[in-house]
C-alpha atoms as a PDB file:
ATOM      1  CA  UNK A   1    -109.578 120.519-145.103  1.00  0.00           C
ATOM      2  CA  UNK A   2    -107.312 123.551-144.977  1.00  0.00           C
ATOM      3  CA  UNK A   3    -107.023 125.521-141.754  1.00  0.00           C
ATOM      4  CA  UNK A   4    -105.520 129.002-141.981  1.00  0.00           C
ATOM      5  CA  UNK A   5    -105.338 132.222-140.005  1.00  0.00           C
ATOM      6  CA  UNK A   6    -106.698 134.882-142.386  1.00  0.00           C
ATOM      7  CA  UNK A   7    -106.337 137.841-140.018  1.00  0.00           C
ATOM      8  CA  UNK A   8    -103.173 138.834-141.907  1.00  0.00           C
ATOM      9  CA  UNK A   9    -103.104 138.007-145.612  1.00  0.00           C
ATOM     10  CA  UNK A  10     -99.721 137.529-147.271  1.00  0.00           C
ATOM     11  CA  UNK A  11     -99.092 137.265-151.007  1.00  0.00           C
ATOM     12  CA  UNK A  12     -96.070 135.175-151.994  1.00  0.00           C
ATOM     13  CA  UNK A  13     -94.574 136.570-155.196  1.00  0.00           C
ATOM     14  CA  UNK A  14     -91.640 135.766-157.441  1.00  0.00           C
ATOM     15  CA  UNK A  15     -89.465 138.373-159.154  1.00  0.00           C
ATOM     16  CA  UNK A  16     -87.536 137.574-162.301  1.00  0.00           C
ATOM     17  CA  UNK A  17     -83.777 138.166-162.293  1.00  0.00           C
ATOM     18  CA  UNK A  18     -84.088 141.465-164.167  1.00  0.00           C
ATOM     19  CA  UNK A  19     -86.295 142.927-161.372  1.00  0.00           C
ATOM     20  CA  UNK A  20     -84.795 141.103-158.377  1.00  0.00           C
ATOM     21  CA  UNK A  21     -82.724 144.018-157.062  1.00  0.00           C
ATOM     22  CA  UNK A  22     -85.406 146.680-157.536  1.00  0.00           C
ATOM     23  CA  UNK A  23     -87.681 145.726-154.602  1.00  0.00           C
ATOM     24  CA  UNK A  24     -86.956 146.321-150.906  1.00  0.00           C
ATOM     25  CA  UNK A  25     -88.683 145.720-147.588  1.00  0.00           C
ATOM     26  CA  UNK A  26     -91.089 148.602-146.986  1.00  0.00           C
ATOM     27  CA  UNK A  27     -91.899 149.190-150.669  1.00  0.00           C
ATOM     28  CA  UNK A  28     -95.559 149.598-151.553  1.00  0.00           C
ATOM     29  CA  UNK A  29     -97.425 147.131-153.719  1.00  0.00           C
ATOM     30  CA  UNK A  30    -100.630 147.018-155.713  1.00  0.00           C
ATOM     31  CA  UNK A  31    -102.393 143.641-155.822  1.00  0.00           C
ATOM     32  CA  UNK A  32    -105.100 142.614-158.259  1.00  0.00           C
ATOM     33  CA  UNK A  33    -106.552 139.479-159.782  1.00  0.00           C
ATOM     34  CA  UNK A  34    -108.594 138.573-162.836  1.00  0.00           C
ATOM     35  CA  UNK A  35    -112.318 139.185-162.572  1.00  0.00           C
ATOM     36  CA  UNK A  36    -112.120 141.839-159.862  1.00  0.00           C
ATOM     37  CA  UNK A  37    -112.051 145.583-160.573  1.00  0.00           C
ATOM     38  CA  UNK A  38    -110.434 146.645-157.292  1.00  0.00           C
ATOM     39  CA  UNK A  39    -106.692 147.021-156.749  1.00  0.00           C
ATOM     40  CA  UNK A  40    -105.701 146.247-153.171  1.00  0.00           C
ATOM     41  CA  UNK A  41    -102.793 147.962-151.366  1.00  0.00           C
ATOM     42  CA  UNK A  42     -99.933 146.038-149.826  1.00  0.00           C
ATOM     43  CA  UNK A  43     -96.445 146.453-148.424  1.00  0.00           C
ATOM     44  CA  UNK A  44     -93.311 144.355-148.879  1.00  0.00           C
ATOM     45  CA  UNK A  45     -92.548 142.635-145.560  1.00  0.00           C
ATOM     46  CA  UNK A  46     -89.849 140.177-146.597  1.00  0.00           C
ATOM     47  CA  UNK A  47     -87.412 139.782-149.486  1.00  0.00           C
ATOM     48  CA  UNK A  48     -85.384 136.597-149.908  1.00  0.00           C
ATOM     49  CA  UNK A  49     -81.621 137.051-149.796  1.00  0.00           C
ATOM     50  CA  UNK A  50     -81.077 134.414-152.464  1.00  0.00           C
ATOM     51  CA  UNK A  51     -82.292 133.468-155.905  1.00  0.00           C
ATOM     52  CA  UNK A  52     -84.122 130.179-156.336  1.00  0.00           C
ATOM     53  CA  UNK A  53     -86.030 128.092-158.821  1.00  0.00           C
ATOM     54  CA  UNK A  54     -89.440 129.175-160.019  1.00  0.00           C
ATOM     55  CA  UNK A  55     -92.320 127.712-158.006  1.00  0.00           C
ATOM     56  CA  UNK A  56     -95.289 129.396-159.697  1.00  0.00           C
ATOM     57  CA  UNK A  57     -96.151 127.828-163.049  1.00  0.00           C
ATOM     58  CA  UNK A  58     -97.982 129.643-165.816  1.00  0.00           C
ATOM     59  CA  UNK A  59    -100.029 128.206-168.646  1.00  0.00           C
ATOM     60  CA  UNK A  60     -97.891 130.044-171.219  1.00  0.00           C
ATOM     61  CA  UNK A  61     -95.947 127.444-173.240  1.00  0.00           C
ATOM     62  CA  UNK A  62     -93.206 130.041-173.892  1.00  0.00           C
ATOM     63  CA  UNK A  63     -92.625 130.550-170.151  1.00  0.00           C
ATOM     64  CA  UNK A  64     -89.260 129.220-168.974  1.00  0.00           C
ATOM     65  CA  UNK A  65     -89.279 127.259-165.728  1.00  0.00           C
ATOM     66  CA  UNK A  66     -85.515 127.084-165.363  1.00  0.00           C
ATOM     67  CA  UNK A  67     -85.153 130.791-164.565  1.00  0.00           C
ATOM     68  CA  UNK A  68     -84.074 131.902-161.132  1.00  0.00           C
ATOM     69  CA  UNK A  69     -86.456 134.109-159.162  1.00  0.00           C
ATOM     70  CA  UNK A  70     -86.396 136.035-155.890  1.00  0.00           C
ATOM     71  CA  UNK A  71     -89.241 135.402-153.462  1.00  0.00           C
ATOM     72  CA  UNK A  72     -90.988 138.460-151.997  1.00  0.00           C
ATOM     73  CA  UNK A  73     -93.710 138.407-149.335  1.00  0.00           C
ATOM     74  CA  UNK A  74     -96.306 141.175-149.451  1.00  0.00           C
ATOM     75  CA  UNK A  75     -98.678 141.978-146.587  1.00  0.00           C
ATOM     76  CA  UNK A  76    -102.141 142.807-147.923  1.00  0.00           C
ATOM     77  CA  UNK A  77    -103.424 145.883-146.109  1.00  0.00           C
ATOM     78  CA  UNK A  78    -107.079 145.801-147.233  1.00  0.00           C
ATOM     79  CA  UNK A  79    -109.164 143.254-145.332  1.00  0.00           C
ATOM     80  CA  UNK A  80    -111.914 143.476-147.965  1.00  0.00           C
ATOM     81  CA  UNK A  81    -109.830 141.343-150.301  1.00  0.00           C
ATOM     82  CA  UNK A  82    -111.378 137.894-150.770  1.00  0.00           C
ATOM     83  CA  UNK A  83    -109.753 135.229-148.595  1.00  0.00           C
ATOM     84  CA  UNK A  84    -109.061 132.603-151.234  1.00  0.00           C
ATOM     85  CA  UNK A  85    -106.009 130.611-150.218  1.00  0.00           C
ATOM     86  CA  UNK A  86    -103.881 129.726-153.247  1.00  0.00           C
ATOM     87  CA  UNK A  87    -105.528 132.271-155.564  1.00  0.00           C
ATOM     88  CA  UNK A  88    -103.291 133.515-158.402  1.00  0.00           C
ATOM     89  CA  UNK A  89    -102.600 137.254-158.029  1.00  0.00           C
ATOM     90  CA  UNK A  90    -100.715 139.928-159.922  1.00  0.00           C
ATOM     91  CA  UNK A  91     -98.505 142.232-157.856  1.00  0.00           C
ATOM     92  CA  UNK A  92     -96.880 145.513-158.891  1.00  0.00           C
ATOM     93  CA  UNK A  93     -94.189 147.230-156.811  1.00  0.00           C
ATOM     94  CA  UNK A  94     -93.183 150.860-156.261  1.00  0.00           C
ATOM     95  CA  UNK A  95     -91.389 152.873-153.579  1.00  0.00           C
ATOM     96  CA  UNK A  96     -93.848 154.309-151.046  1.00  0.00           C
ATOM     97  CA  UNK A  97     -94.577 158.032-151.155  1.00  0.00           C
ATOM     98  CA  UNK A  98     -93.127 159.906-148.206  1.00  0.00           C
ATOM     99  CA  UNK A  99     -95.364 162.603-146.735  1.00  0.00           C
ATOM    100  CA  UNK A 100     -93.716 165.598-145.091  1.00  0.00           C
END
């Protein structure tokens, strides 16, 4: 049995070295997953201050597991997103638009 507080959903993501410096706390994110047409909004809430080994494994035989990645935590703002702990997601990042 898994017990979890799902009142605040967090996506744990990994950025490759080439993108590691391009994301900051407060940046906006778009979250989606296979089989669902909706893109869910999110916001970067934490960015690791160090590079580490890849934790997420893909099924692509060409994927290299020895690459360093930077962990980024994204708060999911839309509570309509399915609460499936451990579900594989895709996350895109961009600076948030400032309204004057």
